Amino acid sequence: MSSLESFSGIGVYEMQSAASREVKRIMAEVGGDRLKADKIVLTRLHELNFITEKELPVLSHICELGHAATGGKHDAAKAYQEVKKAYEELLVNGNASPVALAYASGAVGSYVSGDGTEPGGSTVVYKKSGGNWQGTLAGAGAVIGGYFGGAGGAAVGAAIGGVVGKIVDDC
């Protein structure tokens, strides 16, 4: 039986419950510091071989940019461009892991655009979603999905966790 076949027997409740417990455990471990929690999750994904040694610093940088943009310490438009470039480089490389691609894609999607008006014209303004749960939940979803379904489950978990995190951030 493949890892995805065994993953298909797991219900939504089990994934939600396990991911929720894992996020609470990690957040307690780091005293509520979401950047530290995200780094722990990324390290765990590497230890489980769901992301490569080469992908770990790229994803860590994407994570740091998101936290800096949310905290007002980095221009969100510039952070968006850097995150998008990192994601596109993973794509162009051609051998990126599904988990790295899901995580990076979710990070790009966590920036929102809006019309900003200035005298004499309009510009597009990017801002980072407010809560930064997207990265934390994408990573935790990947870890839990990987436990249930190997690399395929980890990729699915990262995608689902990223979507849920984006929803949480936007509410």
N, C-alpha and C. Protein backbone atom coordinates (compact mmCIF):
# COMPACT_ATOMS: atom_id res chain seq x y z
N MET A 1 0.85 -1.17 0.00
CA MET A 1 0.00 0.00 0.00
C MET A 1 0.89 1.23 0.00
N SER A 2 0.60 2.20 -0.88
CA SER A 2 1.39 3.42 -0.94
C SER A 2 1.04 4.33 0.23
N SER A 3 1.92 5.32 0.45
CA SER A 3 1.67 6.24 1.56
C SER A 3 0.40 7.05 1.32
N LEU A 4 0.08 7.38 0.07
CA LEU A 4 -1.14 8.12 -0.19
C LEU A 4 -2.38 7.26 0.02
N GLU A 5 -2.27 5.96 -0.26
CA GLU A 5 -3.41 5.09 0.00
C GLU A 5 -3.69 5.00 1.50
N SER A 6 -2.65 4.91 2.31
CA SER A 6 -2.87 4.85 3.75
C SER A 6 -3.35 6.20 4.27
N PHE A 7 -2.92 7.29 3.63
CA PHE A 7 -3.35 8.63 4.01
C PHE A 7 -4.84 8.82 3.76
N SER A 8 -5.36 8.21 2.70
CA SER A 8 -6.76 8.43 2.35
C SER A 8 -7.72 7.88 3.39
N GLY A 9 -7.27 7.00 4.28
CA GLY A 9 -8.13 6.47 5.32
C GLY A 9 -8.24 7.38 6.52
N ILE A 10 -7.50 8.45 6.55
CA ILE A 10 -7.51 9.40 7.67
C ILE A 10 -8.56 10.45 7.40
N GLY A 11 -9.38 10.72 8.39
CA GLY A 11 -10.44 11.70 8.25
C GLY A 11 -9.96 13.11 8.55
N VAL A 12 -10.80 14.05 8.17
CA VAL A 12 -10.51 15.46 8.40
C VAL A 12 -10.36 15.72 9.90
N TYR A 13 -11.23 15.12 10.71
CA TYR A 13 -11.15 15.34 12.16
C TYR A 13 -9.78 14.96 12.70
N GLU A 14 -9.29 13.79 12.30
CA GLU A 14 -7.99 13.34 12.83
C GLU A 14 -6.88 14.31 12.46
N MET A 15 -6.90 14.79 11.21
CA MET A 15 -5.88 15.75 10.77
C MET A 15 -6.02 17.07 11.54
N GLN A 16 -7.23 17.56 11.68
CA GLN A 16 -7.45 18.81 12.40
C GLN A 16 -6.99 18.68 13.84
N SER A 17 -7.39 17.62 14.48
CA SER A 17 -7.07 17.41 15.89
C SER A 17 -5.56 17.29 16.10
N ALA A 18 -4.91 16.49 15.27
CA ALA A 18 -3.47 16.30 15.41
C ALA A 18 -2.71 17.60 15.12
N ALA A 19 -3.11 18.30 14.07
CA ALA A 19 -2.43 19.56 13.72
C ALA A 19 -2.62 20.59 14.82
N SER A 20 -3.83 20.67 15.36
CA SER A 20 -4.11 21.62 16.44
C SER A 20 -3.25 21.33 17.67
N ARG A 21 -3.17 20.07 18.04
CA ARG A 21 -2.33 19.69 19.19
C ARG A 21 -0.87 20.00 18.94
N GLU A 22 -0.40 19.73 17.73
CA GLU A 22 1.00 19.99 17.40
C GLU A 22 1.32 21.48 17.44
N VAL A 23 0.44 22.31 16.89
CA VAL A 23 0.66 23.76 16.91
C VAL A 23 0.65 24.27 18.35
N LYS A 24 -0.30 23.81 19.16
CA LYS A 24 -0.35 24.24 20.57
C LYS A 24 0.91 23.82 21.32
N ARG A 25 1.39 22.60 21.06
CA ARG A 25 2.58 22.11 21.73
C ARG A 25 3.80 22.95 21.36
N ILE A 26 3.95 23.22 20.08
CA ILE A 26 5.11 24.00 19.62
C ILE A 26 5.02 25.43 20.13
N MET A 27 3.84 26.02 20.07
CA MET A 27 3.69 27.41 20.54
C MET A 27 3.98 27.51 22.03
N ALA A 28 3.60 26.52 22.81
CA ALA A 28 3.93 26.51 24.25
C ALA A 28 5.43 26.37 24.44
N GLU A 29 6.06 25.53 23.63
CA GLU A 29 7.51 25.30 23.73
C GLU A 29 8.30 26.58 23.50
N VAL A 30 7.82 27.45 22.60
CA VAL A 30 8.55 28.67 22.25
C VAL A 30 7.96 29.92 22.90
N GLY A 31 7.07 29.72 23.86
CA GLY A 31 6.50 30.86 24.58
C GLY A 31 5.69 31.79 23.70
N GLY A 32 5.04 31.26 22.67
CA GLY A 32 4.18 32.07 21.82
C GLY A 32 4.89 32.78 20.68
N ASP A 33 6.18 32.58 20.52
CA ASP A 33 6.95 33.24 19.46
C ASP A 33 6.74 32.47 18.15
N ARG A 34 5.91 33.02 17.26
CA ARG A 34 5.54 32.30 16.05
C ARG A 34 6.72 32.12 15.10
N LEU A 35 7.66 33.06 15.03
CA LEU A 35 8.82 32.89 14.17
C LEU A 35 9.66 31.70 14.64
N LYS A 36 9.87 31.58 15.94
CA LYS A 36 10.59 30.41 16.47
C LYS A 36 9.82 29.13 16.18
N ALA A 37 8.50 29.19 16.32
CA ALA A 37 7.67 28.01 16.04
C ALA A 37 7.81 27.60 14.58
N ASP A 38 7.78 28.57 13.69
CA ASP A 38 7.92 28.27 12.27
C ASP A 38 9.28 27.63 11.97
N LYS A 39 10.33 28.12 12.62
CA LYS A 39 11.67 27.56 12.41
C LYS A 39 11.73 26.12 12.92
N ILE A 40 11.08 25.85 14.03
CA ILE A 40 11.05 24.48 14.57
C ILE A 40 10.35 23.55 13.58
N VAL A 41 9.23 24.01 13.04
CA VAL A 41 8.47 23.20 12.10
C VAL A 41 9.29 22.95 10.83
N LEU A 42 9.95 23.97 10.32
CA LEU A 42 10.77 23.78 9.12
C LEU A 42 11.92 22.81 9.38
N THR A 43 12.54 22.92 10.55
CA THR A 43 13.61 21.99 10.91
C THR A 43 13.07 20.57 10.98
N ARG A 44 11.89 20.41 11.54
CA ARG A 44 11.27 19.09 11.63
C ARG A 44 10.97 18.52 10.24
N LEU A 45 10.51 19.36 9.34
CA LEU A 45 10.25 18.92 7.97
C LEU A 45 11.53 18.44 7.30
N HIS A 46 12.63 19.11 7.60
CA HIS A 46 13.92 18.69 7.06
C HIS A 46 14.35 17.36 7.68
N GLU A 47 14.20 17.23 8.99
CA GLU A 47 14.56 15.98 9.66
C GLU A 47 13.76 14.79 9.12
N LEU A 48 12.52 15.05 8.72
CA LEU A 48 11.67 13.99 8.16
C LEU A 48 11.92 13.78 6.67
N ASN A 49 12.87 14.53 6.12
CA ASN A 49 13.21 14.46 4.69
C ASN A 49 12.07 14.88 3.77
N PHE A 50 11.21 15.77 4.23
CA PHE A 50 10.14 16.30 3.39
C PHE A 50 10.60 17.55 2.66
N ILE A 51 11.64 18.21 3.18
CA ILE A 51 12.32 19.30 2.47
C ILE A 51 13.81 19.01 2.53
N THR A 52 14.53 19.51 1.55
CA THR A 52 15.96 19.21 1.44
C THR A 52 16.81 20.21 2.21
N GLU A 53 18.07 19.86 2.35
CA GLU A 53 19.06 20.74 2.99
C GLU A 53 19.11 22.08 2.25
N LYS A 54 19.02 22.03 0.94
CA LYS A 54 19.08 23.24 0.11
C LYS A 54 17.81 24.09 0.26
N GLU A 55 16.67 23.44 0.48
CA GLU A 55 15.40 24.16 0.59
C GLU A 55 15.21 24.80 1.96
N LEU A 56 15.81 24.24 2.99
CA LEU A 56 15.60 24.74 4.35
C LEU A 56 15.94 26.22 4.49
N PRO A 57 17.12 26.70 4.06
CA PRO A 57 17.38 28.13 4.21
C PRO A 57 16.48 29.01 3.34
N VAL A 58 16.06 28.52 2.20
CA VAL A 58 15.16 29.29 1.33
C VAL A 58 13.81 29.48 2.04
N LEU A 59 13.27 28.39 2.58
CA LEU A 59 11.99 28.47 3.28
C LEU A 59 12.11 29.27 4.57
N SER A 60 13.24 29.16 5.25
CA SER A 60 13.46 29.96 6.47
C SER A 60 13.48 31.44 6.13
N HIS A 61 14.12 31.79 5.02
CA HIS A 61 14.18 33.20 4.60
C HIS A 61 12.78 33.71 4.24
N ILE A 62 12.01 32.88 3.53
CA ILE A 62 10.64 33.25 3.20
C ILE A 62 9.85 33.52 4.48
N CYS A 63 10.04 32.67 5.46
CA CYS A 63 9.36 32.80 6.75
C CYS A 63 9.77 34.09 7.45
N GLU A 64 11.07 34.36 7.49
CA GLU A 64 11.58 35.58 8.13
C GLU A 64 11.04 36.83 7.46
N LEU A 65 10.98 36.82 6.13
CA LEU A 65 10.44 37.97 5.41
C LEU A 65 8.98 38.22 5.78
N GLY A 66 8.20 37.16 5.87
CA GLY A 66 6.80 37.31 6.24
C GLY A 66 6.62 37.91 7.62
N HIS A 67 7.41 37.42 8.57
CA HIS A 67 7.30 37.96 9.93
C HIS A 67 7.78 39.40 9.99
N ALA A 68 8.83 39.73 9.25
CA ALA A 68 9.32 41.11 9.23
C ALA A 68 8.31 42.04 8.58
N ALA A 69 7.67 41.59 7.50
CA ALA A 69 6.67 42.42 6.83
C ALA A 69 5.44 42.62 7.71
N THR A 70 5.01 41.57 8.38
CA THR A 70 3.86 41.68 9.27
C THR A 70 4.16 42.63 10.42
N GLY A 71 5.38 42.57 10.93
CA GLY A 71 5.76 43.42 12.05
C GLY A 71 6.17 44.83 11.66
N GLY A 72 6.09 45.16 10.37
CA GLY A 72 6.44 46.49 9.92
C GLY A 72 7.94 46.75 9.85
N LYS A 73 8.74 45.70 9.94
CA LYS A 73 10.20 45.85 9.92
C LYS A 73 10.78 45.69 8.52
N HIS A 74 9.95 45.34 7.56
CA HIS A 74 10.38 45.18 6.17
C HIS A 74 9.22 45.60 5.28
N ASP A 75 9.50 46.33 4.24
CA ASP A 75 8.47 46.78 3.32
C ASP A 75 7.76 45.57 2.71
N ALA A 76 6.45 45.54 2.83
CA ALA A 76 5.68 44.38 2.37
C ALA A 76 5.80 44.17 0.86
N ALA A 77 5.83 45.24 0.08
CA ALA A 77 5.94 45.08 -1.37
C ALA A 77 7.29 44.45 -1.73
N LYS A 78 8.35 44.88 -1.08
CA LYS A 78 9.67 44.30 -1.33
C LYS A 78 9.72 42.85 -0.84
N ALA A 79 9.12 42.60 0.31
CA ALA A 79 9.09 41.23 0.84
C ALA A 79 8.34 40.33 -0.13
N TYR A 80 7.21 40.80 -0.64
CA TYR A 80 6.44 40.03 -1.61
C TYR A 80 7.30 39.67 -2.82
N GLN A 81 8.01 40.65 -3.34
CA GLN A 81 8.85 40.40 -4.52
C GLN A 81 9.94 39.37 -4.21
N GLU A 82 10.53 39.45 -3.03
CA GLU A 82 11.58 38.49 -2.63
C GLU A 82 11.00 37.08 -2.45
N VAL A 83 9.84 36.98 -1.83
CA VAL A 83 9.20 35.69 -1.61
C VAL A 83 8.80 35.08 -2.94
N LYS A 84 8.22 35.90 -3.81
CA LYS A 84 7.81 35.42 -5.13
C LYS A 84 9.02 34.93 -5.92
N LYS A 85 10.12 35.66 -5.86
CA LYS A 85 11.34 35.26 -6.57
C LYS A 85 11.86 33.93 -6.02
N ALA A 86 11.87 33.77 -4.71
CA ALA A 86 12.34 32.51 -4.11
C ALA A 86 11.47 31.34 -4.55
N TYR A 87 10.16 31.55 -4.56
CA TYR A 87 9.24 30.50 -5.00
C TYR A 87 9.48 30.15 -6.47
N GLU A 88 9.61 31.16 -7.31
CA GLU A 88 9.84 30.92 -8.73
C GLU A 88 11.16 30.18 -8.96
N GLU A 89 12.18 30.48 -8.16
CA GLU A 89 13.45 29.77 -8.28
C GLU A 89 13.30 28.30 -7.90
N LEU A 90 12.48 28.02 -6.89
CA LEU A 90 12.19 26.62 -6.55
C LEU A 90 11.51 25.91 -7.72
N LEU A 91 10.57 26.61 -8.36
CA LEU A 91 9.86 26.04 -9.51
C LEU A 91 10.80 25.78 -10.68
N VAL A 92 11.61 26.77 -11.01
CA VAL A 92 12.51 26.67 -12.16
C VAL A 92 13.57 25.60 -11.94
N ASN A 93 13.98 25.42 -10.70
CA ASN A 93 14.99 24.42 -10.37
C ASN A 93 14.56 23.04 -10.87
N GLY A 94 13.27 22.76 -10.80
CA GLY A 94 12.75 21.53 -11.34
C GLY A 94 12.82 20.31 -10.44
N ASN A 95 13.49 20.41 -9.32
CA ASN A 95 13.56 19.24 -8.44
C ASN A 95 13.20 19.57 -7.00
N ALA A 96 12.43 20.62 -6.83
CA ALA A 96 12.00 21.00 -5.48
C ALA A 96 10.99 19.98 -4.96
N SER A 97 11.01 19.77 -3.66
CA SER A 97 10.08 18.84 -3.05
C SER A 97 8.66 19.41 -3.09
N PRO A 98 7.66 18.54 -3.14
CA PRO A 98 6.28 19.03 -3.12
C PRO A 98 5.96 19.85 -1.88
N VAL A 99 6.56 19.51 -0.75
CA VAL A 99 6.31 20.26 0.48
C VAL A 99 6.89 21.67 0.37
N ALA A 100 8.10 21.79 -0.15
CA ALA A 100 8.72 23.11 -0.31
C ALA A 100 7.88 23.97 -1.24
N LEU A 101 7.40 23.38 -2.33
CA LEU A 101 6.58 24.14 -3.27
C LEU A 101 5.25 24.56 -2.64
N ALA A 102 4.61 23.67 -1.90
CA ALA A 102 3.35 24.01 -1.24
C ALA A 102 3.56 25.12 -0.21
N TYR A 103 4.61 25.01 0.57
CA TYR A 103 4.91 26.01 1.60
C TYR A 103 5.19 27.37 0.96
N ALA A 104 6.06 27.38 -0.05
CA ALA A 104 6.43 28.64 -0.70
C ALA A 104 5.26 29.26 -1.45
N SER A 105 4.46 28.43 -2.11
CA SER A 105 3.29 28.93 -2.82
C SER A 105 2.32 29.60 -1.84
N GLY A 106 2.10 28.95 -0.71
CA GLY A 106 1.23 29.54 0.32
C GLY A 106 1.78 30.85 0.84
N ALA A 107 3.10 30.94 0.96
CA ALA A 107 3.72 32.18 1.43
C ALA A 107 3.49 33.31 0.44
N VAL A 108 3.62 33.03 -0.85
CA VAL A 108 3.35 34.05 -1.86
C VAL A 108 1.89 34.50 -1.75
N GLY A 109 1.00 33.54 -1.60
CA GLY A 109 -0.42 33.84 -1.51
C GLY A 109 -0.84 34.56 -0.24
N SER A 110 0.05 34.62 0.74
CA SER A 110 -0.30 35.30 1.99
C SER A 110 -0.16 36.82 1.88
N TYR A 111 0.38 37.29 0.77
CA TYR A 111 0.44 38.74 0.52
C TYR A 111 -0.78 39.11 -0.29
N VAL A 112 -1.39 40.22 0.04
CA VAL A 112 -2.57 40.67 -0.67
C VAL A 112 -2.28 42.00 -1.32
N SER A 113 -2.92 42.22 -2.45
CA SER A 113 -2.74 43.49 -3.16
C SER A 113 -4.00 44.31 -3.05
N GLY A 114 -3.81 45.58 -3.11
CA GLY A 114 -4.93 46.49 -3.08
C GLY A 114 -4.55 47.74 -3.83
N ASP A 115 -5.53 48.50 -4.23
CA ASP A 115 -5.25 49.74 -4.93
C ASP A 115 -4.89 50.82 -3.94
N GLY A 116 -3.76 51.44 -4.17
CA GLY A 116 -3.36 52.60 -3.39
C GLY A 116 -3.38 53.79 -4.32
N THR A 117 -3.97 54.83 -3.88
CA THR A 117 -4.04 56.00 -4.76
C THR A 117 -3.09 57.06 -4.27
N GLU A 118 -2.40 57.63 -5.23
CA GLU A 118 -1.49 58.72 -4.96
C GLU A 118 -1.84 59.84 -5.93
N PRO A 119 -1.50 61.06 -5.60
CA PRO A 119 -1.79 62.15 -6.54
C PRO A 119 -1.18 61.84 -7.91
N GLY A 120 -2.00 61.95 -8.94
CA GLY A 120 -1.52 61.75 -10.30
C GLY A 120 -1.54 60.31 -10.78
N GLY A 121 -2.03 59.36 -10.00
CA GLY A 121 -2.07 57.99 -10.48
C GLY A 121 -2.41 57.02 -9.38
N SER A 122 -2.34 55.77 -9.74
CA SER A 122 -2.59 54.75 -8.73
C SER A 122 -1.48 53.71 -8.77
N THR A 123 -1.28 53.06 -7.69
CA THR A 123 -0.24 52.04 -7.58
C THR A 123 -0.86 50.80 -6.95
N VAL A 124 -0.15 49.69 -7.05
CA VAL A 124 -0.58 48.49 -6.36
C VAL A 124 0.23 48.39 -5.08
N VAL A 125 -0.46 48.20 -3.98
CA VAL A 125 0.19 48.13 -2.68
C VAL A 125 0.04 46.70 -2.17
N TYR A 126 1.14 46.12 -1.71
CA TYR A 126 1.09 44.78 -1.14
C TYR A 126 1.21 44.87 0.37
N LYS A 127 0.47 44.03 1.04
CA LYS A 127 0.63 43.94 2.48
C LYS A 127 0.61 42.47 2.86
N LYS A 128 1.24 42.17 3.95
CA LYS A 128 1.29 40.81 4.46
C LYS A 128 0.03 40.58 5.29
N SER A 129 -0.57 39.41 5.13
CA SER A 129 -1.71 39.06 5.96
C SER A 129 -1.34 39.23 7.42
N GLY A 130 -2.28 39.68 8.22
CA GLY A 130 -2.01 40.13 9.56
C GLY A 130 -1.46 39.19 10.58
N GLY A 131 -1.88 37.95 10.64
CA GLY A 131 -1.52 37.12 11.78
C GLY A 131 -0.35 36.19 11.60
N ASN A 132 0.10 35.96 10.38
CA ASN A 132 1.20 35.03 10.10
C ASN A 132 0.90 33.59 10.46
N TRP A 133 -0.35 33.21 10.55
CA TRP A 133 -0.67 31.81 10.83
C TRP A 133 -0.47 30.93 9.61
N GLN A 134 -0.44 31.53 8.42
CA GLN A 134 -0.30 30.75 7.19
C GLN A 134 0.92 29.85 7.24
N GLY A 135 2.08 30.40 7.56
CA GLY A 135 3.30 29.60 7.60
C GLY A 135 3.30 28.56 8.70
N THR A 136 2.84 28.95 9.87
CA THR A 136 2.81 28.03 11.00
C THR A 136 1.91 26.84 10.71
N LEU A 137 0.72 27.11 10.19
CA LEU A 137 -0.22 26.02 9.92
C LEU A 137 0.20 25.21 8.69
N ALA A 138 0.83 25.83 7.72
CA ALA A 138 1.33 25.07 6.56
C ALA A 138 2.39 24.08 7.02
N GLY A 139 3.30 24.54 7.84
CA GLY A 139 4.36 23.65 8.33
C GLY A 139 3.83 22.55 9.22
N ALA A 140 2.94 22.91 10.15
CA ALA A 140 2.37 21.89 11.03
C ALA A 140 1.53 20.91 10.24
N GLY A 141 0.79 21.40 9.25
CA GLY A 141 0.01 20.52 8.39
C GLY A 141 0.88 19.54 7.64
N ALA A 142 2.05 20.02 7.20
CA ALA A 142 2.98 19.14 6.49
C ALA A 142 3.54 18.06 7.42
N VAL A 143 3.89 18.45 8.63
CA VAL A 143 4.41 17.45 9.58
C VAL A 143 3.36 16.39 9.86
N ILE A 144 2.16 16.81 10.20
CA ILE A 144 1.10 15.86 10.53
C ILE A 144 0.71 15.05 9.30
N GLY A 145 0.56 15.69 8.16
CA GLY A 145 0.24 14.96 6.93
C GLY A 145 1.31 13.94 6.60
N GLY A 146 2.56 14.28 6.87
CA GLY A 146 3.66 13.36 6.63
C GLY A 146 3.61 12.15 7.54
N TYR A 147 3.20 12.35 8.78
CA TYR A 147 3.07 11.21 9.70
C TYR A 147 2.06 10.22 9.17
N PHE A 148 0.96 10.74 8.61
CA PHE A 148 -0.11 9.87 8.13
C PHE A 148 0.13 9.34 6.73
N GLY A 149 0.83 10.12 5.89
CA GLY A 149 0.92 9.72 4.49
C GLY A 149 2.24 9.97 3.80
N GLY A 150 3.34 10.00 4.54
CA GLY A 150 4.64 10.17 3.90
C GLY A 150 4.75 11.50 3.18
N ALA A 151 5.60 11.54 2.15
CA ALA A 151 5.86 12.78 1.43
C ALA A 151 4.61 13.33 0.76
N GLY A 152 3.79 12.45 0.19
CA GLY A 152 2.55 12.91 -0.44
C GLY A 152 1.60 13.52 0.57
N GLY A 153 1.47 12.88 1.71
CA GLY A 153 0.63 13.43 2.77
C GLY A 153 1.15 14.74 3.30
N ALA A 154 2.48 14.87 3.36
CA ALA A 154 3.09 16.12 3.83
C ALA A 154 2.78 17.26 2.88
N ALA A 155 2.84 17.00 1.58
CA ALA A 155 2.52 18.04 0.59
C ALA A 155 1.06 18.47 0.69
N VAL A 156 0.17 17.48 0.83
CA VAL A 156 -1.25 17.78 0.98
C VAL A 156 -1.47 18.56 2.28
N GLY A 157 -0.85 18.12 3.37
CA GLY A 157 -0.98 18.80 4.66
C GLY A 157 -0.48 20.23 4.60
N ALA A 158 0.63 20.47 3.90
CA ALA A 158 1.16 21.82 3.77
C ALA A 158 0.20 22.72 3.02
N ALA A 159 -0.37 22.20 1.95
CA ALA A 159 -1.31 22.98 1.16
C ALA A 159 -2.56 23.31 1.97
N ILE A 160 -3.11 22.30 2.63
CA ILE A 160 -4.32 22.52 3.43
C ILE A 160 -4.03 23.47 4.60
N GLY A 161 -2.93 23.23 5.30
CA GLY A 161 -2.56 24.10 6.41
C GLY A 161 -2.34 25.54 5.96
N GLY A 162 -1.73 25.72 4.79
CA GLY A 162 -1.52 27.07 4.27
C GLY A 162 -2.81 27.78 3.96
N VAL A 163 -3.76 27.05 3.38
CA VAL A 163 -5.06 27.65 3.07
C VAL A 163 -5.78 28.02 4.35
N VAL A 164 -5.80 27.13 5.32
CA VAL A 164 -6.47 27.41 6.60
C VAL A 164 -5.79 28.60 7.28
N GLY A 165 -4.47 28.64 7.26
CA GLY A 165 -3.76 29.76 7.86
C GLY A 165 -4.07 31.07 7.21
N LYS A 166 -4.19 31.08 5.88
CA LYS A 166 -4.55 32.29 5.16
C LYS A 166 -5.94 32.76 5.56
N ILE A 167 -6.85 31.81 5.70
CA ILE A 167 -8.22 32.16 6.13
C ILE A 167 -8.19 32.75 7.53
N VAL A 168 -7.45 32.12 8.43
CA VAL A 168 -7.35 32.63 9.80
C VAL A 168 -6.76 34.04 9.80
N ASP A 169 -5.72 34.24 9.00
CA ASP A 169 -5.07 35.56 8.95
C ASP A 169 -6.02 36.65 8.44
N ASP A 170 -6.87 36.29 7.50
CA ASP A 170 -7.75 37.29 6.88
C ASP A 170 -9.04 37.54 7.66
N CYS A 171 -9.33 36.71 8.66
CA CYS A 171 -10.57 36.90 9.43
C CYS A 171 -10.39 37.90 10.54
